[in-house]
PDB file of N, CA and C in Angstrom:
ATOM      1  N   MET A   1      34.939   1.625 -25.581  1.00  0.00           N
ATOM      2  CA  MET A   1      34.033   1.660 -24.443  1.00  0.00           C
ATOM      3  C   MET A   1      33.525   3.124 -24.175  1.00  0.00           C
ATOM      4  N   SER A   2      32.236   3.108 -23.990  1.00  0.00           N
ATOM      5  CA  SER A   2      31.539   4.507 -23.911  1.00  0.00           C
ATOM      6  C   SER A   2      31.431   4.993 -22.494  1.00  0.00           C
ATOM      7  N   ASP A   3      31.488   5.902 -21.916  1.00  0.00           N
ATOM      8  CA  ASP A   3      31.206   6.175 -20.738  1.00  0.00           C
ATOM      9  C   ASP A   3      29.805   6.667 -20.352  1.00  0.00           C
ATOM     10  N   LYS A   4      28.954   6.751 -21.343  1.00  0.00           N
ATOM     11  CA  LYS A   4      27.747   7.260 -21.264  1.00  0.00           C
ATOM     12  C   LYS A   4      27.040   6.515 -20.380  1.00  0.00           C
ATOM     13  N   GLY A   5      26.007   7.371 -19.350  1.00  0.00           N
ATOM     14  CA  GLY A   5      25.317   6.557 -18.560  1.00  0.00           C
ATOM     15  C   GLY A   5      25.980   6.393 -17.169  1.00  0.00           C
ATOM     16  N   LEU A   6      27.260   6.375 -17.136  1.00  0.00           N
ATOM     17  CA  LEU A   6      28.242   6.081 -15.926  1.00  0.00           C
ATOM     18  C   LEU A   6      28.513   7.365 -15.243  1.00  0.00           C
ATOM     19  N   THR A   7      28.442   7.133 -13.919  1.00  0.00           N
ATOM     20  CA  THR A   7      29.176   8.164 -13.140  1.00  0.00           C
ATOM     21  C   THR A   7      30.672   8.316 -12.907  1.00  0.00           C
ATOM     22  N   GLN A   8      31.122   9.262 -12.639  1.00  0.00           N
ATOM     23  CA  GLN A   8      32.672   9.207 -12.320  1.00  0.00           C
ATOM     24  C   GLN A   8      32.762   8.386 -11.228  1.00  0.00           C
ATOM     25  N   GLY A   9      33.740   7.311 -11.564  1.00  0.00           N
ATOM     26  CA  GLY A   9      34.181   6.402 -10.304  1.00  0.00           C
ATOM     27  C   GLY A   9      33.184   5.521 -10.131  1.00  0.00           C
ATOM     28  N   SER A  10      31.950   5.344 -11.076  1.00  0.00           N
ATOM     29  CA  SER A  10      30.832   4.211 -10.977  1.00  0.00           C
ATOM     30  C   SER A  10      31.296   3.242 -12.144  1.00  0.00           C
ATOM     31  N   SER A  11      30.668   1.912 -11.901  1.00  0.00           N
ATOM     32  CA  SER A  11      30.835   0.981 -13.090  1.00  0.00           C
ATOM     33  C   SER A  11      29.585   0.489 -13.439  1.00  0.00           C
ATOM     34  N   ALA A  12      28.576   1.040 -12.618  1.00  0.00           N
ATOM     35  CA  ALA A  12      27.260   0.752 -13.147  1.00  0.00           C
ATOM     36  C   ALA A  12      26.506   1.820 -13.552  1.00  0.00           C
ATOM     37  N   PRO A  13      25.636   1.534 -14.658  1.00  0.00           N
ATOM     38  CA  PRO A  13      24.699   2.610 -15.371  1.00  0.00           C
ATOM     39  C   PRO A  13      23.846   3.332 -14.564  1.00  0.00           C
ATOM     40  N   LYS A  14      23.680   4.551 -14.872  1.00  0.00           N
ATOM     41  CA  LYS A  14      22.541   5.301 -14.263  1.00  0.00           C
ATOM     42  C   LYS A  14      21.381   4.677 -14.669  1.00  0.00           C
ATOM     43  N   LYS A  15      20.285   4.808 -13.803  1.00  0.00           N
ATOM     44  CA  LYS A  15      18.952   4.480 -14.207  1.00  0.00           C
ATOM     45  C   LYS A  15      18.091   5.646 -14.842  1.00  0.00           C
ATOM     46  N   ALA A  16      17.438   5.618 -15.771  1.00  0.00           N
ATOM     47  CA  ALA A  16      16.877   6.948 -16.296  1.00  0.00           C
ATOM     48  C   ALA A  16      15.766   7.116 -15.643  1.00  0.00           C
ATOM     49  N   ALA A  17      15.858   8.592 -15.040  1.00  0.00           N
ATOM     50  CA  ALA A  17      14.763   9.040 -14.230  1.00  0.00           C
ATOM     51  C   ALA A  17      13.248   9.053 -14.690  1.00  0.00           C
ATOM     52  N   GLY A  18      12.301   8.946 -14.072  1.00  0.00           N
ATOM     53  CA  GLY A  18      10.917   9.229 -14.599  1.00  0.00           C
ATOM     54  C   GLY A  18      10.315   8.007 -15.235  1.00  0.00           C
ATOM     55  N   HIS A  19      10.946   6.781 -15.040  1.00  0.00           N
ATOM     56  CA  HIS A  19      10.092   5.698 -15.482  1.00  0.00           C
ATOM     57  C   HIS A  19       9.277   5.142 -14.387  1.00  0.00           C
ATOM     58  N   LYS A  20       8.125   4.768 -14.646  1.00  0.00           N
ATOM     59  CA  LYS A  20       7.177   4.244 -13.773  1.00  0.00           C
ATOM     60  C   LYS A  20       7.521   3.111 -13.237  1.00  0.00           C
ATOM     61  N   ALA A  21       8.296   1.985 -14.049  1.00  0.00           N
ATOM     62  CA  ALA A  21       8.674   0.797 -13.450  1.00  0.00           C
ATOM     63  C   ALA A  21       9.848   1.139 -12.171  1.00  0.00           C
ATOM     64  N   ASP A  22      10.311   2.091 -12.422  1.00  0.00           N
ATOM     65  CA  ASP A  22      11.542   2.563 -11.474  1.00  0.00           C
ATOM     66  C   ASP A  22      10.891   2.845 -10.094  1.00  0.00           C
ATOM     67  N   ALA A  23       9.891   3.660 -10.306  1.00  0.00           N
ATOM     68  CA  ALA A  23       9.009   4.373  -9.053  1.00  0.00           C
ATOM     69  C   ALA A  23       8.612   3.361  -8.616  1.00  0.00           C
ATOM     70  N   ILE A  24       7.506   2.308  -9.167  1.00  0.00           N
ATOM     71  CA  ILE A  24       7.233   1.321  -8.541  1.00  0.00           C
ATOM     72  C   ILE A  24       8.025   0.333  -8.057  1.00  0.00           C
ATOM     73  N   GLU A  25       9.157  -0.153  -8.496  1.00  0.00           N
ATOM     74  CA  GLU A  25      10.221  -0.889  -7.954  1.00  0.00           C
ATOM     75  C   GLU A  25      10.921  -0.167  -6.527  1.00  0.00           C
ATOM     76  N   GLU A  26      10.843   1.265  -6.611  1.00  0.00           N
ATOM     77  CA  GLU A  26      11.517   1.782  -5.691  1.00  0.00           C
ATOM     78  C   GLU A  26      10.418   1.831  -4.409  1.00  0.00           C
ATOM     79  N   GLU A  27       9.101   2.085  -4.730  1.00  0.00           N
ATOM     80  CA  GLU A  27       8.099   2.077  -3.747  1.00  0.00           C
ATOM     81  C   GLU A  27       8.202   0.918  -3.067  1.00  0.00           C
ATOM     82  N   LEU A  28       8.288  -0.336  -3.788  1.00  0.00           N
ATOM     83  CA  LEU A  28       8.023  -1.625  -3.037  1.00  0.00           C
ATOM     84  C   LEU A  28       9.124  -1.939  -2.106  1.00  0.00           C
ATOM     85  N   LEU A  29      10.402  -1.508  -2.766  1.00  0.00           N
ATOM     86  CA  LEU A  29      11.692  -1.376  -1.913  1.00  0.00           C
ATOM     87  C   LEU A  29      11.685  -0.689  -0.553  1.00  0.00           C
ATOM     88  N   ASN A  30      10.977   0.430  -0.792  1.00  0.00           N
ATOM     89  CA  ASN A  30      10.856   1.454   0.545  1.00  0.00           C
ATOM     90  C   ASN A  30      10.017   0.835   1.537  1.00  0.00           C
ATOM     91  N   ARG A  31       9.131   0.167   0.916  1.00  0.00           N
ATOM     92  CA  ARG A  31       7.873  -0.437   1.850  1.00  0.00           C
ATOM     93  C   ARG A  31       8.723  -1.556   2.828  1.00  0.00           C
ATOM     94  N   GLY A  32       9.777  -2.322   1.858  1.00  0.00           N
ATOM     95  CA  GLY A  32      10.263  -3.562   2.460  1.00  0.00           C
ATOM     96  C   GLY A  32       9.471  -4.627   3.249  1.00  0.00           C
ATOM     97  N   GLY A  33       8.533  -4.826   2.489  1.00  0.00           N
ATOM     98  CA  GLY A  33       7.783  -6.010   2.976  1.00  0.00           C
ATOM     99  C   GLY A  33       6.847  -5.606   4.294  1.00  0.00           C
ATOM    100  N   LYS A  34       6.748  -4.198   4.640  1.00  0.00           N
ATOM    101  CA  LYS A  34       6.061  -3.489   5.727  1.00  0.00           C
ATOM    102  C   LYS A  34       4.540  -4.113   5.924  1.00  0.00           C
ATOM    103  N   THR A  35       3.961  -4.756   6.978  1.00  0.00           N
ATOM    104  CA  THR A  35       2.798  -5.141   7.094  1.00  0.00           C
ATOM    105  C   THR A  35       1.938  -4.418   8.222  1.00  0.00           C
ATOM    106  N   GLN A  36       0.829  -4.677   8.077  1.00  0.00           N
ATOM    107  CA  GLN A  36      -0.105  -3.995   8.967  1.00  0.00           C
ATOM    108  C   GLN A  36      -0.104  -4.397  10.594  1.00  0.00           C
ATOM    109  N   PRO A  37       0.652  -5.811  10.787  1.00  0.00           N
ATOM    110  CA  PRO A  37       0.704  -5.998  12.334  1.00  0.00           C
ATOM    111  C   PRO A  37       1.919  -4.990  12.915  1.00  0.00           C
ATOM    112  N   ALA A  38       2.872  -4.386  12.257  1.00  0.00           N
ATOM    113  CA  ALA A  38       3.694  -3.783  12.650  1.00  0.00           C
ATOM    114  C   ALA A  38       3.153  -2.342  13.025  1.00  0.00           C
ATOM    115  N   ALA A  39       2.351  -1.693  12.031  1.00  0.00           N
ATOM    116  CA  ALA A  39       1.602  -0.595  12.347  1.00  0.00           C
ATOM    117  C   ALA A  39       0.671  -0.799  13.521  1.00  0.00           C
ATOM    118  N   LYS A  40       0.031  -1.968  13.834  1.00  0.00           N
ATOM    119  CA  LYS A  40      -1.087  -2.032  14.880  1.00  0.00           C
ATOM    120  C   LYS A  40      -0.111  -2.032  16.064  1.00  0.00           C
ATOM    121  N   ALA A  41       1.043  -2.518  16.164  1.00  0.00           N
ATOM    122  CA  ALA A  41       1.995  -2.639  17.322  1.00  0.00           C
ATOM    123  C   ALA A  41       2.417  -1.309  17.723  1.00  0.00           C
ATOM    124  N   ALA A  42       2.679  -0.603  16.667  1.00  0.00           N
ATOM    125  CA  ALA A  42       3.222   0.921  16.723  1.00  0.00           C
ATOM    126  C   ALA A  42       1.876   1.658  17.678  1.00  0.00           C
ATOM    127  N   ALA A  43       0.685   1.552  17.058  1.00  0.00           N
ATOM    128  CA  ALA A  43      -0.468   2.224  17.155  1.00  0.00           C
ATOM    129  C   ALA A  43      -0.744   1.729  18.870  1.00  0.00           C
ATOM    130  N   ALA A  44      -0.577   0.609  18.940  1.00  0.00           N
ATOM    131  CA  ALA A  44      -0.999   0.013  20.446  1.00  0.00           C
ATOM    132  C   ALA A  44      -0.182   0.695  21.676  1.00  0.00           C
ATOM    133  N   ALA A  45       1.168   0.678  21.045  1.00  0.00           N
ATOM    134  CA  ALA A  45       2.098   1.759  21.922  1.00  0.00           C
ATOM    135  C   ALA A  45       1.867   3.027  22.507  1.00  0.00           C
ATOM    136  N   ARG A  46       0.886   3.739  21.367  1.00  0.00           N
ATOM    137  CA  ARG A  46       0.534   5.030  21.676  1.00  0.00           C
ATOM    138  C   ARG A  46      -0.399   5.257  22.719  1.00  0.00           C
ATOM    139  N   PRO A  47      -0.802   6.155  23.503  1.00  0.00           N
ATOM    140  CA  PRO A  47      -1.569   6.520  24.483  1.00  0.00           C
ATOM    141  C   PRO A  47      -3.047   6.498  23.670  1.00  0.00           C
ATOM    142  N   ALA A  48      -3.765   5.833  24.444  1.00  0.00           N
ATOM    143  CA  ALA A  48      -5.365   5.803  23.669  1.00  0.00           C
ATOM    144  C   ALA A  48      -5.924   7.409  23.372  1.00  0.00           C
ATOM    145  N   GLU A  49      -5.384   8.192  24.028  1.00  0.00           N
ATOM    146  CA  GLU A  49      -6.149   9.574  23.518  1.00  0.00           C
ATOM    147  C   GLU A  49      -5.452  10.101  22.265  1.00  0.00           C
ATOM    148  N   GLU A  50      -4.387   9.579  21.697  1.00  0.00           N
ATOM    149  CA  GLU A  50      -3.632  10.002  20.457  1.00  0.00           C
ATOM    150  C   GLU A  50      -4.305   9.108  19.557  1.00  0.00           C
ATOM    151  N   ALA A  51      -5.048   8.149  19.572  1.00  0.00           N
ATOM    152  CA  ALA A  51      -5.345   7.443  18.367  1.00  0.00           C
ATOM    153  C   ALA A  51      -6.480   8.156  17.792  1.00  0.00           C
ATOM    154  N   PRO A  52      -6.315   8.277  16.315  1.00  0.00           N
ATOM    155  CA  PRO A  52      -6.950   8.990  15.452  1.00  0.00           C
ATOM    156  C   PRO A  52      -8.616   8.252  15.533  1.00  0.00           C
ATOM    157  N   ALA A  53      -9.570   9.384  15.212  1.00  0.00           N
ATOM    158  CA  ALA A  53     -10.803   9.003  15.214  1.00  0.00           C
ATOM    159  C   ALA A  53     -11.088   8.535  13.788  1.00  0.00           C
ATOM    160  N   GLY A  54     -11.509   7.183  13.538  1.00  0.00           N
ATOM    161  CA  GLY A  54     -11.907   6.999  11.984  1.00  0.00           C
ATOM    162  C   GLY A  54     -13.339   5.989  11.758  1.00  0.00           C
ATOM    163  N   PRO A  55     -13.331   5.625  10.674  1.00  0.00           N
ATOM    164  CA  PRO A  55     -14.493   4.763  10.536  1.00  0.00           C
ATOM    165  C   PRO A  55     -14.489   3.442  11.188  1.00  0.00           C
ATOM    166  N   ALA A  56     -15.562   2.998  11.729  1.00  0.00           N
ATOM    167  CA  ALA A  56     -15.503   1.924  12.277  1.00  0.00           C
ATOM    168  C   ALA A  56     -15.075   0.481  11.295  1.00  0.00           C
ATOM    169  N   ILE A  57     -14.381  -0.480  11.724  1.00  0.00           N
ATOM    170  CA  ILE A  57     -13.919  -1.430  10.923  1.00  0.00           C
ATOM    171  C   ILE A  57     -14.785  -2.620  10.731  1.00  0.00           C
ATOM    172  N   MET A  58     -14.997  -2.783   9.478  1.00  0.00           N
ATOM    173  CA  MET A  58     -15.878  -3.931   9.208  1.00  0.00           C
ATOM    174  C   MET A  58     -15.290  -5.305   9.368  1.00  0.00           C
ATOM    175  N   ALA A  59     -14.041  -5.433   8.861  1.00  0.00           N
ATOM    176  CA  ALA A  59     -13.172  -6.580   9.058  1.00  0.00           C
ATOM    177  C   ALA A  59     -11.804  -6.243   8.643  1.00  0.00           C
ATOM    178  N   THR A  60     -10.919  -7.202   8.810  1.00  0.00           N
ATOM    179  CA  THR A  60      -9.554  -7.009   8.420  1.00  0.00           C
ATOM    180  C   THR A  60      -9.453  -8.388   7.464  1.00  0.00           C
ATOM    181  N   HIS A  61      -8.505  -7.979   6.305  1.00  0.00           N
ATOM    182  CA  HIS A  61      -8.146  -8.886   5.173  1.00  0.00           C
ATOM    183  C   HIS A  61      -6.721  -8.860   4.879  1.00  0.00           C
ATOM    184  N   THR A  62      -6.312 -10.282   4.791  1.00  0.00           N
ATOM    185  CA  THR A  62      -5.030 -10.511   4.533  1.00  0.00           C
ATOM    186  C   THR A  62      -4.817 -10.736   3.165  1.00  0.00           C
ATOM    187  N   VAL A  63      -4.024  -9.938   2.592  1.00  0.00           N
ATOM    188  CA  VAL A  63      -3.800  -9.912   0.933  1.00  0.00           C
ATOM    189  C   VAL A  63      -3.326 -11.224   0.478  1.00  0.00           C
ATOM    190  N   GLN A  64      -3.812 -11.802  -0.282  1.00  0.00           N
ATOM    191  CA  GLN A  64      -3.536 -13.035  -1.257  1.00  0.00           C
ATOM    192  C   GLN A  64      -2.931 -12.694  -2.310  1.00  0.00           C
ATOM    193  N   SER A  65      -2.198 -13.443  -3.263  1.00  0.00           N
ATOM    194  CA  SER A  65      -1.537 -13.427  -4.512  1.00  0.00           C
ATOM    195  C   SER A  65      -2.902 -13.354  -5.288  1.00  0.00           C
ATOM    196  N   GLY A  66      -3.002 -12.193  -6.318  1.00  0.00           N
ATOM    197  CA  GLY A  66      -4.223 -11.964  -7.014  1.00  0.00           C
ATOM    198  C   GLY A  66      -5.090 -10.888  -6.559  1.00  0.00           C
ATOM    199  N   ASP A  67      -5.133 -10.894  -5.255  1.00  0.00           N
ATOM    200  CA  ASP A  67      -6.120  -9.761  -4.653  1.00  0.00           C
ATOM    201  C   ASP A  67      -5.875  -8.417  -5.439  1.00  0.00           C
ATOM    202  N   THR A  68      -7.199  -7.750  -5.615  1.00  0.00           N
ATOM    203  CA  THR A  68      -7.384  -6.441  -5.938  1.00  0.00           C
ATOM    204  C   THR A  68      -8.270  -5.391  -5.191  1.00  0.00           C
ATOM    205  N   LEU A  69      -7.940  -4.271  -5.120  1.00  0.00           N
ATOM    206  CA  LEU A  69      -9.160  -3.497  -4.322  1.00  0.00           C
ATOM    207  C   LEU A  69     -10.212  -3.716  -4.869  1.00  0.00           C
ATOM    208  N   SER A  70     -10.455  -3.631  -6.031  1.00  0.00           N
ATOM    209  CA  SER A  70     -11.723  -3.870  -6.916  1.00  0.00           C
ATOM    210  C   SER A  70     -12.685  -5.368  -6.343  1.00  0.00           C
ATOM    211  N   HIS A  71     -11.610  -6.335  -6.376  1.00  0.00           N
ATOM    212  CA  HIS A  71     -12.163  -7.658  -5.841  1.00  0.00           C
ATOM    213  C   HIS A  71     -12.706  -7.520  -4.083  1.00  0.00           C
ATOM    214  N   LEU A  72     -11.777  -6.797  -3.564  1.00  0.00           N
ATOM    215  CA  LEU A  72     -12.184  -6.718  -2.017  1.00  0.00           C
ATOM    216  C   LEU A  72     -13.526  -5.839  -2.014  1.00  0.00           C
ATOM    217  N   ALA A  73     -13.594  -4.706  -2.844  1.00  0.00           N
ATOM    218  CA  ALA A  73     -14.605  -3.935  -2.642  1.00  0.00           C
ATOM    219  C   ALA A  73     -16.001  -4.920  -3.206  1.00  0.00           C
ATOM    220  N   LEU A  74     -15.758  -5.866  -3.903  1.00  0.00           N
ATOM    221  CA  LEU A  74     -16.934  -6.488  -4.492  1.00  0.00           C
ATOM    222  C   LEU A  74     -17.367  -7.568  -3.303  1.00  0.00           C
ATOM    223  N   LYS A  75     -16.171  -8.147  -2.633  1.00  0.00           N
ATOM    224  CA  LYS A  75     -16.378  -9.038  -1.645  1.00  0.00           C
ATOM    225  C   LYS A  75     -17.260  -8.686  -0.436  1.00  0.00           C
ATOM    226  N   TYR A  76     -16.472  -7.388   0.112  1.00  0.00           N
ATOM    227  CA  TYR A  76     -17.374  -6.587   1.250  1.00  0.00           C
ATOM    228  C   TYR A  76     -18.335  -5.841   1.078  1.00  0.00           C
ATOM    229  N   TYR A  77     -18.368  -4.781  -0.077  1.00  0.00           N
ATOM    230  CA  TYR A  77     -19.440  -4.255  -0.449  1.00  0.00           C
ATOM    231  C   TYR A  77     -20.304  -4.428  -1.322  1.00  0.00           C
ATOM    232  N   LYS A  78     -20.147  -5.554  -1.973  1.00  0.00           N
ATOM    233  CA  LYS A  78     -21.208  -5.824  -3.005  1.00  0.00           C
ATOM    234  C   LYS A  78     -21.059  -5.126  -4.157  1.00  0.00           C
ATOM    235  N   GLU A  79     -19.985  -4.231  -4.374  1.00  0.00           N
ATOM    236  CA  GLU A  79     -20.012  -3.551  -5.334  1.00  0.00           C
ATOM    237  C   GLU A  79     -18.494  -3.305  -5.913  1.00  0.00           C
ATOM    238  N   ALA A  80     -18.317  -3.381  -6.962  1.00  0.00           N
ATOM    239  CA  ALA A  80     -16.710  -3.288  -7.480  1.00  0.00           C
ATOM    240  C   ALA A  80     -16.382  -1.790  -8.105  1.00  0.00           C
ATOM    241  N   THR A  81     -17.136  -0.796  -7.564  1.00  0.00           N
ATOM    242  CA  THR A  81     -17.082   0.511  -8.155  1.00  0.00           C
ATOM    243  C   THR A  81     -15.670   1.253  -7.756  1.00  0.00           C
ATOM    244  N   ARG A  82     -15.196   2.280  -8.392  1.00  0.00           N
ATOM    245  CA  ARG A  82     -14.251   2.894  -7.882  1.00  0.00           C
ATOM    246  C   ARG A  82     -14.430   3.591  -6.466  1.00  0.00           C
ATOM    247  N   GLU A  83     -15.451   4.186  -6.313  1.00  0.00           N
ATOM    248  CA  GLU A  83     -15.860   4.700  -5.251  1.00  0.00           C
ATOM    249  C   GLU A  83     -15.548   4.053  -4.009  1.00  0.00           C
ATOM    250  N   LYS A  84     -15.935   2.584  -3.954  1.00  0.00           N
ATOM    251  CA  LYS A  84     -15.984   1.827  -2.973  1.00  0.00           C
ATOM    252  C   LYS A  84     -14.460   1.204  -2.831  1.00  0.00           C
ATOM    253  N   TRP A  85     -13.691   0.855  -3.854  1.00  0.00           N
ATOM    254  CA  TRP A  85     -12.360   0.493  -3.358  1.00  0.00           C
ATOM    255  C   TRP A  85     -11.480   1.497  -2.989  1.00  0.00           C
ATOM    256  N   MET A  86     -11.930   2.588  -3.263  1.00  0.00           N
ATOM    257  CA  MET A  86     -11.189   3.951  -2.838  1.00  0.00           C
ATOM    258  C   MET A  86     -11.269   3.907  -1.119  1.00  0.00           C
ATOM    259  N   ILE A  87     -12.575   3.656  -0.867  1.00  0.00           N
ATOM    260  CA  ILE A  87     -12.605   3.666   0.553  1.00  0.00           C
ATOM    261  C   ILE A  87     -11.587   2.777   1.170  1.00  0.00           C
ATOM    262  N   ILE A  88     -11.435   1.486   0.727  1.00  0.00           N
ATOM    263  CA  ILE A  88     -10.526   0.692   1.281  1.00  0.00           C
ATOM    264  C   ILE A  88      -9.125   1.163   1.009  1.00  0.00           C
ATOM    265  N   TYR A  89      -8.787   1.729  -0.021  1.00  0.00           N
ATOM    266  CA  TYR A  89      -7.708   2.307  -0.429  1.00  0.00           C
ATOM    267  C   TYR A  89      -7.252   3.434   0.703  1.00  0.00           C
ATOM    268  N   GLU A  90      -8.202   4.268   0.929  1.00  0.00           N
ATOM    269  CA  GLU A  90      -7.958   5.412   1.839  1.00  0.00           C
ATOM    270  C   GLU A  90      -7.584   5.043   3.199  1.00  0.00           C
ATOM    271  N   ALA A  91      -8.342   3.853   3.411  1.00  0.00           N
ATOM    272  CA  ALA A  91      -8.126   3.508   4.999  1.00  0.00           C
ATOM    273  C   ALA A  91      -6.831   2.790   5.032  1.00  0.00           C
ATOM    274  N   ASN A  92      -6.295   2.552   3.919  1.00  0.00           N
ATOM    275  CA  ASN A  92      -4.882   1.812   4.108  1.00  0.00           C
ATOM    276  C   ASN A  92      -3.805   2.416   3.198  1.00  0.00           C
ATOM    277  N   LYS A  93      -3.989   3.584   3.051  1.00  0.00           N
ATOM    278  CA  LYS A  93      -3.096   4.356   2.262  1.00  0.00           C
ATOM    279  C   LYS A  93      -1.728   4.295   2.664  1.00  0.00           C
ATOM    280  N   GLU A  94      -1.322   4.474   3.863  1.00  0.00           N
ATOM    281  CA  GLU A  94      -0.171   4.449   4.589  1.00  0.00           C
ATOM    282  C   GLU A  94       0.615   3.231   4.215  1.00  0.00           C
ATOM    283  N   LEU A  95      -0.197   2.243   4.412  1.00  0.00           N
ATOM    284  CA  LEU A  95       0.459   0.950   4.282  1.00  0.00           C
ATOM    285  C   LEU A  95       0.566   0.608   2.537  1.00  0.00           C
ATOM    286  N   LEU A  96      -0.197   0.981   1.719  1.00  0.00           N
ATOM    287  CA  LEU A  96       0.011   0.795   0.204  1.00  0.00           C
ATOM    288  C   LEU A  96       0.535   1.509  -0.439  1.00  0.00           C
ATOM    289  N   GLY A  97       0.822   2.988   0.008  1.00  0.00           N
ATOM    290  CA  GLY A  97       1.546   3.964  -0.570  1.00  0.00           C
ATOM    291  C   GLY A  97       0.630   4.490  -1.797  1.00  0.00           C
ATOM    292  N   LYS A  98       1.476   4.925  -2.623  1.00  0.00           N
ATOM    293  CA  LYS A  98       0.781   5.676  -3.757  1.00  0.00           C
ATOM    294  C   LYS A  98       0.198   4.919  -4.918  1.00  0.00           C
ATOM    295  N   TYR A  99       0.774   3.739  -4.965  1.00  0.00           N
ATOM    296  CA  TYR A  99       0.344   2.864  -5.973  1.00  0.00           C
ATOM    297  C   TYR A  99      -0.736   1.646  -5.448  1.00  0.00           C
ATOM    298  N   PRO A 100      -2.130   2.029  -5.392  1.00  0.00           N
ATOM    299  CA  PRO A 100      -2.965   1.083  -4.947  1.00  0.00           C
ATOM    300  C   PRO A 100      -3.025  -0.310  -5.350  1.00  0.00           C
ATOM    301  N   GLY A 101      -2.438  -0.318  -6.624  1.00  0.00           N
ATOM    302  CA  GLY A 101      -2.521  -1.850  -7.439  1.00  0.00           C
ATOM    303  C   GLY A 101      -1.672  -2.523  -6.818  1.00  0.00           C
ATOM    304  N   LEU A 102      -0.318  -1.989  -6.136  1.00  0.00           N
ATOM    305  CA  LEU A 102       0.528  -2.791  -5.706  1.00  0.00           C
ATOM    306  C   LEU A 102       0.469  -3.417  -4.130  1.00  0.00           C
ATOM    307  N   MET A 103      -0.556  -4.233  -3.799  1.00  0.00           N
ATOM    308  CA  MET A 103      -0.640  -4.921  -2.586  1.00  0.00           C
ATOM    309  C   MET A 103       0.284  -6.051  -2.671  1.00  0.00           C
ATOM    310  N   LEU A 104       0.823  -6.321  -1.544  1.00  0.00           N
ATOM    311  CA  LEU A 104       1.699  -7.414  -1.190  1.00  0.00           C
ATOM    312  C   LEU A 104       0.996  -8.564  -0.392  1.00  0.00           C
ATOM    313  N   PRO A 105       1.299  -9.817  -0.974  1.00  0.00           N
ATOM    314  CA  PRO A 105       0.635 -10.816  -0.403  1.00  0.00           C
ATOM    315  C   PRO A 105       0.978 -10.831   1.342  1.00  0.00           C
ATOM    316  N   GLY A 106       0.102 -11.160   2.294  1.00  0.00           N
ATOM    317  CA  GLY A 106       0.526 -10.997   3.678  1.00  0.00           C
ATOM    318  C   GLY A 106       0.329  -9.825   4.137  1.00  0.00           C
ATOM    319  N   GLN A 107      -0.016  -8.525   3.511  1.00  0.00           N
ATOM    320  CA  GLN A 107      -0.304  -7.217   4.298  1.00  0.00           C
ATOM    321  C   GLN A 107      -1.965  -7.425   4.769  1.00  0.00           C
ATOM    322  N   GLU A 108      -2.058  -6.797   5.838  1.00  0.00           N
ATOM    323  CA  GLU A 108      -3.380  -7.046   6.389  1.00  0.00           C
ATOM    324  C   GLU A 108      -3.823  -5.624   6.202  1.00  0.00           C
ATOM    325  N   LEU A 109      -5.190  -5.606   5.546  1.00  0.00           N
ATOM    326  CA  LEU A 109      -5.875  -4.399   5.229  1.00  0.00           C
ATOM    327  C   LEU A 109      -7.024  -4.105   6.245  1.00  0.00           C
ATOM    328  N   ILE A 110      -7.335  -3.171   6.415  1.00  0.00           N
ATOM    329  CA  ILE A 110      -8.689  -2.633   7.188  1.00  0.00           C
ATOM    330  C   ILE A 110      -9.804  -2.587   6.186  1.00  0.00           C
ATOM    331  N   ILE A 111     -10.863  -3.053   6.507  1.00  0.00           N
ATOM    332  CA  ILE A 111     -11.993  -2.899   5.473  1.00  0.00           C
ATOM    333  C   ILE A 111     -12.933  -2.188   6.417  1.00  0.00           C
ATOM    334  N   PRO A 112     -13.369  -0.658   6.237  1.00  0.00           N
ATOM    335  CA  PRO A 112     -14.145   0.092   6.967  1.00  0.00           C
ATOM    336  C   PRO A 112     -15.472  -0.262   6.648  1.00  0.00           C
ATOM    337  N   GLN A 113     -16.218   0.167   7.800  1.00  0.00           N
ATOM    338  CA  GLN A 113     -17.779  -0.011   7.689  1.00  0.00           C
ATOM    339  C   GLN A 113     -18.026   1.191   6.775  1.00  0.00           C
ATOM    340  N   LEU A 114     -19.088   1.124   6.170  1.00  0.00           N
ATOM    341  CA  LEU A 114     -19.498   1.862   5.209  1.00  0.00           C
ATOM    342  C   LEU A 114     -20.538   2.883   5.925  1.00  0.00           C
ATOM    343  N   GLU A 115     -20.562   4.105   5.907  1.00  0.00           N
ATOM    344  CA  GLU A 115     -21.506   4.995   6.664  1.00  0.00           C
ATOM    345  C   GLU A 115     -22.789   4.725   6.004  1.00  0.00           C
ATOM    346  N   ALA A 116     -23.776   4.922   6.727  1.00  0.00           N
ATOM    347  CA  ALA A 116     -25.415   4.460   6.446  1.00  0.00           C
ATOM    348  C   ALA A 116     -25.922   5.639   5.753  1.00  0.00           C
TER     349      ALA A 116
END
């Protein structure tokens, strides 16, 4: 039996560092199903003067299985360009993390109003 990939006193093999799938899995675990309502409750608990100024909100969208930022940009902005879906991503970056393609069903996304 080989000890390769095992740490001393451990019976489980180590995961190879740097694999994108591992990073994505870790990101999902770190989020723990965190949804926008919890963030809204935390924001409501802060005094109004601390609320950051941001773009006006056009709508909120509850993520469904199969949703993508590109589809949401097409639905709300009538364009599925990277420029448009990045507006939605940037408004929800704290919730979505560094992988914009990993939206979880049930998350509530803010859809910002486009500037004129």
